[in-house]
Amino acid sequence: MSSSTARKKSSVYKKLQQLRSVTNSTAVNKTSIIVDASRYIGELKDKVDKLSQETGNTSQNPLPMVTVETLEKGFLINVLLEKNCPGLLVSVLETFEELGLDVLEARVSCEDSFRLEAIGGENQGNAEGIDAQMVKQAMMQAIRKWDENSQQD
């Protein structure tokens, strides 16, 4: 057996022992350790689901992710929510209008999650004096407003 093969076996053995330790497994062979780890992961997932239900949080990632980057003449805006959000696009576009930004380019997906990547440019100079932080705050406010309205329906 070459030293490289021995090192690989040793590395795999160490990793299996770490997995065994982390999952509190008493198994001794590879297959049993992996089966125990799989069960352990399932138990953790059940705990997360139960905690989510107890807190009234049905989504594992309910918070929106909003990033805004300053471009030469405008902003690159990314919005991601891990759920389908009917009507959110309208709120986001209204916010663009309120900020004085024109949508120069956009990609939107609303199937299983809401994803928006848009470039907003200044609308005849009406967006003077706004910065990326202001745009981000306005997007977050639009999402909160949409969320409040959708909860009432």
N, C-alpha and C. Protein backbone atom coordinates (compact mmCIF):
# COMPACT_ATOMS: atom_id res chain seq x y z
N MET A 1 0.84 -1.17 0.00
CA MET A 1 0.00 0.00 0.00
C MET A 1 0.89 1.24 0.00
N SER A 2 0.59 2.19 -0.88
CA SER A 2 1.41 3.40 -0.98
C SER A 2 1.10 4.33 0.19
N SER A 3 2.04 5.24 0.44
CA SER A 3 1.85 6.16 1.56
C SER A 3 0.68 7.11 1.30
N SER A 4 0.43 7.43 0.03
CA SER A 4 -0.70 8.30 -0.32
C SER A 4 -2.03 7.60 -0.01
N THR A 5 -2.13 6.32 -0.31
CA THR A 5 -3.34 5.55 -0.01
C THR A 5 -3.54 5.45 1.50
N ALA A 6 -2.45 5.23 2.22
CA ALA A 6 -2.52 5.14 3.68
C ALA A 6 -2.99 6.47 4.27
N ARG A 7 -2.49 7.58 3.73
CA ARG A 7 -2.91 8.90 4.22
C ARG A 7 -4.39 9.13 3.97
N LYS A 8 -4.87 8.73 2.78
CA LYS A 8 -6.29 8.89 2.45
C LYS A 8 -7.16 8.08 3.40
N LYS A 9 -6.76 6.81 3.65
CA LYS A 9 -7.52 5.96 4.57
C LYS A 9 -7.53 6.55 5.97
N SER A 10 -6.38 7.06 6.38
CA SER A 10 -6.27 7.67 7.71
C SER A 10 -7.16 8.91 7.80
N SER A 11 -7.16 9.71 6.75
CA SER A 11 -7.99 10.92 6.70
C SER A 11 -9.48 10.56 6.75
N VAL A 12 -9.89 9.57 5.98
CA VAL A 12 -11.28 9.13 5.98
C VAL A 12 -11.66 8.61 7.35
N TYR A 13 -10.77 7.81 7.96
CA TYR A 13 -11.02 7.25 9.28
C TYR A 13 -11.22 8.38 10.30
N LYS A 14 -10.33 9.38 10.27
CA LYS A 14 -10.43 10.50 11.21
C LYS A 14 -11.75 11.25 11.02
N LYS A 15 -12.14 11.46 9.78
CA LYS A 15 -13.39 12.17 9.50
C LYS A 15 -14.60 11.37 9.96
N LEU A 16 -14.56 10.07 9.76
CA LEU A 16 -15.65 9.22 10.24
C LEU A 16 -15.73 9.26 11.76
N GLN A 17 -14.58 9.28 12.43
CA GLN A 17 -14.58 9.34 13.89
C GLN A 17 -15.12 10.69 14.37
N GLN A 18 -14.80 11.77 13.64
CA GLN A 18 -15.35 13.09 13.98
C GLN A 18 -16.87 13.07 13.81
N LEU A 19 -17.32 12.51 12.71
CA LEU A 19 -18.75 12.40 12.44
C LEU A 19 -19.43 11.57 13.53
N ARG A 20 -18.81 10.50 13.89
CA ARG A 20 -19.33 9.62 14.94
C ARG A 20 -19.45 10.40 16.26
N SER A 21 -18.44 11.17 16.58
CA SER A 21 -18.42 11.94 17.82
C SER A 21 -19.50 13.03 17.82
N VAL A 22 -19.57 13.78 16.73
CA VAL A 22 -20.54 14.88 16.63
C VAL A 22 -21.98 14.38 16.72
N THR A 23 -22.24 13.22 16.15
CA THR A 23 -23.61 12.69 16.11
C THR A 23 -23.91 11.75 17.27
N ASN A 24 -22.98 11.63 18.22
CA ASN A 24 -23.15 10.75 19.38
C ASN A 24 -23.44 9.31 18.98
N SER A 25 -22.84 8.87 17.91
CA SER A 25 -23.04 7.51 17.40
C SER A 25 -22.15 6.53 18.17
N THR A 26 -22.67 5.34 18.38
CA THR A 26 -21.87 4.28 19.00
C THR A 26 -21.48 3.23 17.96
N ALA A 27 -21.81 3.50 16.70
CA ALA A 27 -21.53 2.57 15.61
C ALA A 27 -20.02 2.42 15.41
N VAL A 28 -19.64 1.29 14.85
CA VAL A 28 -18.22 1.05 14.62
C VAL A 28 -17.86 0.95 13.14
N ASN A 29 -18.80 0.58 12.28
CA ASN A 29 -18.44 0.50 10.86
C ASN A 29 -18.93 1.73 10.10
N LYS A 30 -18.33 1.98 8.94
CA LYS A 30 -18.62 3.18 8.14
C LYS A 30 -20.10 3.35 7.85
N THR A 31 -20.73 2.30 7.37
CA THR A 31 -22.14 2.39 6.98
C THR A 31 -23.01 2.78 8.16
N SER A 32 -22.79 2.16 9.30
CA SER A 32 -23.60 2.46 10.48
C SER A 32 -23.38 3.89 10.97
N ILE A 33 -22.15 4.36 10.90
CA ILE A 33 -21.85 5.74 11.31
C ILE A 33 -22.61 6.71 10.41
N ILE A 34 -22.60 6.45 9.11
CA ILE A 34 -23.29 7.32 8.16
C ILE A 34 -24.80 7.26 8.36
N VAL A 35 -25.35 6.08 8.62
CA VAL A 35 -26.79 5.94 8.90
C VAL A 35 -27.15 6.72 10.16
N ASP A 36 -26.33 6.60 11.21
CA ASP A 36 -26.58 7.35 12.45
C ASP A 36 -26.52 8.86 12.19
N ALA A 37 -25.55 9.29 11.40
CA ALA A 37 -25.43 10.72 11.08
C ALA A 37 -26.65 11.20 10.32
N SER A 38 -27.14 10.38 9.40
CA SER A 38 -28.33 10.74 8.63
C SER A 38 -29.54 10.89 9.55
N ARG A 39 -29.69 9.96 10.49
CA ARG A 39 -30.79 10.06 11.47
C ARG A 39 -30.67 11.33 12.31
N TYR A 40 -29.44 11.61 12.72
CA TYR A 40 -29.17 12.79 13.55
C TYR A 40 -29.56 14.07 12.80
N ILE A 41 -29.21 14.14 11.53
CA ILE A 41 -29.57 15.30 10.71
C ILE A 41 -31.08 15.42 10.60
N GLY A 42 -31.76 14.29 10.42
CA GLY A 42 -33.23 14.30 10.37
C GLY A 42 -33.83 14.81 11.67
N GLU A 43 -33.27 14.39 12.80
CA GLU A 43 -33.75 14.86 14.10
C GLU A 43 -33.55 16.36 14.24
N LEU A 44 -32.39 16.85 13.80
CA LEU A 44 -32.13 18.30 13.86
C LEU A 44 -33.12 19.06 13.00
N LYS A 45 -33.40 18.54 11.82
CA LYS A 45 -34.37 19.19 10.93
C LYS A 45 -35.75 19.23 11.58
N ASP A 46 -36.15 18.13 12.21
CA ASP A 46 -37.45 18.10 12.90
C ASP A 46 -37.49 19.14 14.02
N LYS A 47 -36.38 19.28 14.76
CA LYS A 47 -36.32 20.29 15.83
C LYS A 47 -36.47 21.70 15.27
N VAL A 48 -35.79 21.97 14.16
CA VAL A 48 -35.88 23.29 13.52
C VAL A 48 -37.31 23.55 13.07
N ASP A 49 -37.95 22.55 12.45
CA ASP A 49 -39.33 22.70 12.00
C ASP A 49 -40.26 22.98 13.18
N LYS A 50 -40.06 22.23 14.27
CA LYS A 50 -40.90 22.39 15.46
C LYS A 50 -40.72 23.80 16.05
N LEU A 51 -39.47 24.24 16.16
CA LEU A 51 -39.21 25.58 16.68
C LEU A 51 -39.81 26.66 15.78
N SER A 52 -39.72 26.44 14.48
CA SER A 52 -40.30 27.40 13.53
C SER A 52 -41.80 27.50 13.72
N GLN A 53 -42.47 26.37 13.92
CA GLN A 53 -43.91 26.37 14.14
C GLN A 53 -44.26 27.05 15.46
N GLU A 54 -43.47 26.79 16.51
CA GLU A 54 -43.73 27.39 17.81
C GLU A 54 -43.59 28.90 17.77
N THR A 55 -42.68 29.40 16.97
CA THR A 55 -42.48 30.84 16.89
C THR A 55 -43.35 31.48 15.82
N GLY A 56 -44.16 30.67 15.16
CA GLY A 56 -45.03 31.19 14.11
C GLY A 56 -44.29 31.51 12.83
N ASN A 57 -43.11 31.01 12.73
CA ASN A 57 -42.26 31.27 11.57
C ASN A 57 -42.30 30.04 10.67
N THR A 58 -43.01 30.13 9.56
CA THR A 58 -43.16 28.96 8.69
C THR A 58 -42.02 28.82 7.69
N SER A 59 -41.29 29.87 7.48
CA SER A 59 -40.17 29.81 6.54
C SER A 59 -38.86 29.77 7.32
N GLN A 60 -37.90 29.01 6.83
CA GLN A 60 -36.62 28.94 7.53
C GLN A 60 -35.81 30.22 7.32
N ASN A 61 -36.07 30.94 6.28
CA ASN A 61 -35.35 32.18 6.04
C ASN A 61 -36.35 33.26 5.62
N PRO A 62 -37.11 33.81 6.59
CA PRO A 62 -38.16 34.74 6.24
C PRO A 62 -37.64 36.14 5.93
N LEU A 63 -36.42 36.43 6.36
CA LEU A 63 -35.90 37.78 6.18
C LEU A 63 -35.45 38.00 4.75
N PRO A 64 -35.78 39.16 4.23
CA PRO A 64 -35.33 39.46 2.87
C PRO A 64 -33.84 39.80 2.88
N MET A 65 -33.21 39.47 1.78
CA MET A 65 -31.83 39.88 1.60
C MET A 65 -31.84 40.97 0.54
N VAL A 66 -31.38 42.14 0.91
CA VAL A 66 -31.36 43.27 -0.01
C VAL A 66 -29.94 43.83 -0.05
N THR A 67 -29.40 43.92 -1.26
CA THR A 67 -28.09 44.56 -1.41
C THR A 67 -28.22 45.65 -2.46
N VAL A 68 -27.51 46.73 -2.23
CA VAL A 68 -27.53 47.85 -3.17
C VAL A 68 -26.08 48.31 -3.38
N GLU A 69 -25.67 48.37 -4.64
CA GLU A 69 -24.34 48.85 -4.98
C GLU A 69 -24.48 50.11 -5.81
N THR A 70 -23.62 51.06 -5.55
CA THR A 70 -23.64 52.30 -6.32
C THR A 70 -22.92 52.09 -7.64
N LEU A 71 -23.58 52.50 -8.72
CA LEU A 71 -22.97 52.46 -10.05
C LEU A 71 -22.66 53.89 -10.48
N GLU A 72 -22.09 54.05 -11.66
CA GLU A 72 -21.73 55.39 -12.12
C GLU A 72 -22.95 56.33 -12.13
N LYS A 73 -24.04 55.85 -12.69
CA LYS A 73 -25.27 56.67 -12.72
C LYS A 73 -26.44 55.82 -12.29
N GLY A 74 -26.48 55.51 -10.99
CA GLY A 74 -27.59 54.72 -10.49
C GLY A 74 -27.14 53.67 -9.51
N PHE A 75 -27.93 52.59 -9.42
CA PHE A 75 -27.69 51.55 -8.42
C PHE A 75 -27.99 50.17 -8.98
N LEU A 76 -27.25 49.17 -8.49
CA LEU A 76 -27.54 47.78 -8.76
C LEU A 76 -28.24 47.26 -7.51
N ILE A 77 -29.48 46.81 -7.66
CA ILE A 77 -30.30 46.41 -6.53
C ILE A 77 -30.64 44.94 -6.66
N ASN A 78 -30.36 44.17 -5.60
CA ASN A 78 -30.69 42.75 -5.53
C ASN A 78 -31.61 42.52 -4.35
N VAL A 79 -32.72 41.84 -4.59
CA VAL A 79 -33.67 41.51 -3.52
C VAL A 79 -33.92 40.00 -3.61
N LEU A 80 -33.86 39.32 -2.47
CA LEU A 80 -34.12 37.88 -2.43
C LEU A 80 -34.96 37.56 -1.20
N LEU A 81 -36.08 36.89 -1.43
CA LEU A 81 -36.89 36.34 -0.35
C LEU A 81 -37.09 34.87 -0.65
N GLU A 82 -37.02 34.04 0.36
CA GLU A 82 -37.11 32.59 0.17
C GLU A 82 -38.56 32.11 0.12
N LYS A 83 -39.43 32.93 -0.41
CA LYS A 83 -40.82 32.51 -0.58
C LYS A 83 -41.41 33.24 -1.78
N ASN A 84 -42.50 32.71 -2.29
CA ASN A 84 -43.21 33.34 -3.38
C ASN A 84 -43.89 34.58 -2.82
N CYS A 85 -43.83 35.69 -3.50
CA CYS A 85 -44.33 36.96 -2.97
C CYS A 85 -45.22 37.67 -4.00
N PRO A 86 -46.45 37.18 -4.20
CA PRO A 86 -47.33 37.83 -5.17
C PRO A 86 -47.56 39.29 -4.81
N GLY A 87 -47.34 40.16 -5.77
CA GLY A 87 -47.59 41.58 -5.57
C GLY A 87 -46.38 42.36 -5.10
N LEU A 88 -45.31 41.70 -4.69
CA LEU A 88 -44.14 42.42 -4.19
C LEU A 88 -43.46 43.23 -5.29
N LEU A 89 -43.45 42.72 -6.49
CA LEU A 89 -42.81 43.44 -7.59
C LEU A 89 -43.44 44.82 -7.77
N VAL A 90 -44.75 44.90 -7.63
CA VAL A 90 -45.44 46.19 -7.76
C VAL A 90 -44.93 47.16 -6.69
N SER A 91 -44.82 46.68 -5.45
CA SER A 91 -44.33 47.54 -4.36
C SER A 91 -42.91 48.02 -4.62
N VAL A 92 -42.06 47.12 -5.13
CA VAL A 92 -40.68 47.49 -5.42
C VAL A 92 -40.63 48.53 -6.53
N LEU A 93 -41.42 48.35 -7.58
CA LEU A 93 -41.42 49.32 -8.68
C LEU A 93 -41.97 50.67 -8.24
N GLU A 94 -42.97 50.66 -7.36
CA GLU A 94 -43.48 51.93 -6.82
C GLU A 94 -42.38 52.64 -6.04
N THR A 95 -41.57 51.88 -5.33
CA THR A 95 -40.47 52.46 -4.56
C THR A 95 -39.44 53.08 -5.50
N PHE A 96 -39.14 52.40 -6.61
CA PHE A 96 -38.24 52.97 -7.61
C PHE A 96 -38.77 54.34 -8.03
N GLU A 97 -40.06 54.39 -8.33
CA GLU A 97 -40.68 55.65 -8.78
C GLU A 97 -40.57 56.73 -7.71
N GLU A 98 -40.87 56.37 -6.45
CA GLU A 98 -40.79 57.33 -5.35
C GLU A 98 -39.37 57.87 -5.18
N LEU A 99 -38.38 57.04 -5.44
CA LEU A 99 -36.98 57.45 -5.30
C LEU A 99 -36.49 58.26 -6.50
N GLY A 100 -37.27 58.29 -7.56
CA GLY A 100 -36.84 58.99 -8.77
C GLY A 100 -35.88 58.16 -9.60
N LEU A 101 -36.03 56.84 -9.54
CA LEU A 101 -35.17 55.94 -10.32
C LEU A 101 -35.97 55.29 -11.44
N ASP A 102 -35.35 55.22 -12.61
CA ASP A 102 -35.93 54.46 -13.72
C ASP A 102 -35.31 53.07 -13.72
N VAL A 103 -36.09 52.06 -14.06
CA VAL A 103 -35.55 50.71 -14.19
C VAL A 103 -34.89 50.64 -15.56
N LEU A 104 -33.57 50.52 -15.56
CA LEU A 104 -32.83 50.46 -16.82
C LEU A 104 -32.70 49.03 -17.31
N GLU A 105 -32.60 48.10 -16.37
CA GLU A 105 -32.46 46.68 -16.68
C GLU A 105 -32.98 45.92 -15.48
N ALA A 106 -33.64 44.77 -15.73
CA ALA A 106 -34.13 43.99 -14.59
C ALA A 106 -34.28 42.53 -14.96
N ARG A 107 -34.04 41.68 -13.97
CA ARG A 107 -34.33 40.25 -14.05
C ARG A 107 -35.13 39.91 -12.81
N VAL A 108 -36.27 39.25 -13.01
CA VAL A 108 -37.14 38.93 -11.89
C VAL A 108 -37.57 37.47 -12.00
N SER A 109 -37.61 36.80 -10.85
CA SER A 109 -38.14 35.45 -10.76
C SER A 109 -39.06 35.41 -9.56
N CYS A 110 -40.26 34.90 -9.75
CA CYS A 110 -41.25 34.89 -8.68
C CYS A 110 -41.85 33.51 -8.46
N GLU A 111 -41.21 32.46 -8.95
CA GLU A 111 -41.83 31.14 -8.89
C GLU A 111 -41.83 30.55 -7.49
N ASP A 112 -40.69 30.06 -6.98
CA ASP A 112 -40.63 29.48 -5.64
C ASP A 112 -40.12 30.50 -4.62
N SER A 113 -39.36 31.45 -5.09
CA SER A 113 -38.84 32.50 -4.23
C SER A 113 -38.92 33.79 -5.05
N PHE A 114 -38.72 34.90 -4.39
CA PHE A 114 -38.74 36.19 -5.10
C PHE A 114 -37.30 36.64 -5.27
N ARG A 115 -36.89 36.83 -6.51
CA ARG A 115 -35.55 37.31 -6.82
C ARG A 115 -35.67 38.46 -7.80
N LEU A 116 -34.99 39.55 -7.47
CA LEU A 116 -34.96 40.70 -8.35
C LEU A 116 -33.53 41.20 -8.43
N GLU A 117 -33.07 41.39 -9.65
CA GLU A 117 -31.81 42.07 -9.88
C GLU A 117 -32.13 43.20 -10.85
N ALA A 118 -31.92 44.42 -10.40
CA ALA A 118 -32.30 45.56 -11.25
C ALA A 118 -31.24 46.64 -11.20
N ILE A 119 -31.15 47.35 -12.30
CA ILE A 119 -30.31 48.53 -12.35
C ILE A 119 -31.26 49.71 -12.43
N GLY A 120 -31.17 50.56 -11.42
CA GLY A 120 -32.01 51.75 -11.37
C GLY A 120 -31.15 52.96 -11.65
N GLY A 121 -31.57 53.73 -12.65
CA GLY A 121 -30.83 54.94 -13.02
C GLY A 121 -31.61 56.18 -12.65
N GLU A 122 -30.89 57.26 -12.49
CA GLU A 122 -31.52 58.51 -12.11
C GLU A 122 -32.50 58.97 -13.18
N ASN A 123 -33.67 59.37 -12.73
CA ASN A 123 -34.77 59.79 -13.57
C ASN A 123 -34.68 61.31 -13.76
N GLN A 124 -34.13 61.75 -14.87
CA GLN A 124 -33.94 63.17 -15.18
C GLN A 124 -33.37 63.96 -14.00
N GLY A 125 -32.40 63.35 -13.30
CA GLY A 125 -31.76 64.05 -12.20
C GLY A 125 -32.58 64.12 -10.93
N ASN A 126 -33.77 63.49 -10.90
CA ASN A 126 -34.60 63.55 -9.70
C ASN A 126 -34.04 62.75 -8.54
N ALA A 127 -33.08 61.88 -8.80
CA ALA A 127 -32.54 61.03 -7.75
C ALA A 127 -31.27 61.62 -7.12
N GLU A 128 -31.01 62.87 -7.41
CA GLU A 128 -29.83 63.53 -6.84
C GLU A 128 -29.87 63.43 -5.32
N GLY A 129 -28.72 63.18 -4.73
CA GLY A 129 -28.63 63.20 -3.27
C GLY A 129 -29.03 61.91 -2.57
N ILE A 130 -29.46 60.91 -3.30
CA ILE A 130 -29.76 59.65 -2.63
C ILE A 130 -28.55 58.74 -2.75
N ASP A 131 -28.37 57.90 -1.73
CA ASP A 131 -27.23 56.98 -1.76
C ASP A 131 -27.72 55.54 -1.62
N ALA A 132 -26.79 54.62 -1.69
CA ALA A 132 -27.12 53.19 -1.66
C ALA A 132 -27.88 52.82 -0.38
N GLN A 133 -27.49 53.40 0.75
CA GLN A 133 -28.15 53.09 2.02
C GLN A 133 -29.61 53.54 1.99
N MET A 134 -29.87 54.69 1.41
CA MET A 134 -31.25 55.18 1.31
C MET A 134 -32.08 54.26 0.42
N VAL A 135 -31.50 53.80 -0.68
CA VAL A 135 -32.20 52.89 -1.57
C VAL A 135 -32.50 51.58 -0.85
N LYS A 136 -31.52 51.06 -0.11
CA LYS A 136 -31.71 49.81 0.62
C LYS A 136 -32.83 49.97 1.65
N GLN A 137 -32.81 51.06 2.40
CA GLN A 137 -33.85 51.29 3.41
C GLN A 137 -35.23 51.38 2.76
N ALA A 138 -35.31 52.05 1.62
CA ALA A 138 -36.58 52.17 0.91
C ALA A 138 -37.08 50.81 0.43
N MET A 139 -36.16 49.96 -0.05
CA MET A 139 -36.55 48.61 -0.49
C MET A 139 -37.04 47.78 0.69
N MET A 140 -36.33 47.86 1.81
CA MET A 140 -36.75 47.12 3.01
C MET A 140 -38.13 47.60 3.47
N GLN A 141 -38.36 48.91 3.42
CA GLN A 141 -39.66 49.46 3.81
C GLN A 141 -40.75 48.97 2.86
N ALA A 142 -40.46 48.89 1.58
CA ALA A 142 -41.45 48.39 0.61
C ALA A 142 -41.79 46.93 0.90
N ILE A 143 -40.79 46.14 1.27
CA ILE A 143 -41.02 44.73 1.59
C ILE A 143 -41.86 44.61 2.86
N ARG A 144 -41.52 45.41 3.89
CA ARG A 144 -42.31 45.38 5.14
C ARG A 144 -43.76 45.77 4.87
N LYS A 145 -43.95 46.82 4.09
CA LYS A 145 -45.30 47.30 3.76
C LYS A 145 -46.06 46.21 3.00
N TRP A 146 -45.41 45.59 2.02
CA TRP A 146 -46.04 44.50 1.28
C TRP A 146 -46.41 43.36 2.22
N ASP A 147 -45.48 43.00 3.13
CA ASP A 147 -45.69 41.89 4.05
C ASP A 147 -46.89 42.16 4.95
N GLU A 148 -46.98 43.38 5.47
CA GLU A 148 -48.12 43.75 6.33
C GLU A 148 -49.44 43.65 5.57
N ASN A 149 -49.43 44.14 4.34
CA ASN A 149 -50.65 44.09 3.52
C ASN A 149 -51.03 42.66 3.15
N SER A 150 -50.03 41.82 2.87
CA SER A 150 -50.34 40.44 2.47
C SER A 150 -50.80 39.61 3.66
N GLN A 151 -50.39 39.99 4.88
CA GLN A 151 -50.84 39.26 6.09
C GLN A 151 -52.30 39.56 6.40
N GLN A 152 -52.77 40.75 5.98
CA GLN A 152 -54.16 41.15 6.24
C GLN A 152 -55.14 40.47 5.31
N ASP A 153 -54.65 40.05 4.14
CA ASP A 153 -55.55 39.42 3.14
C ASP A 153 -56.02 38.07 3.56
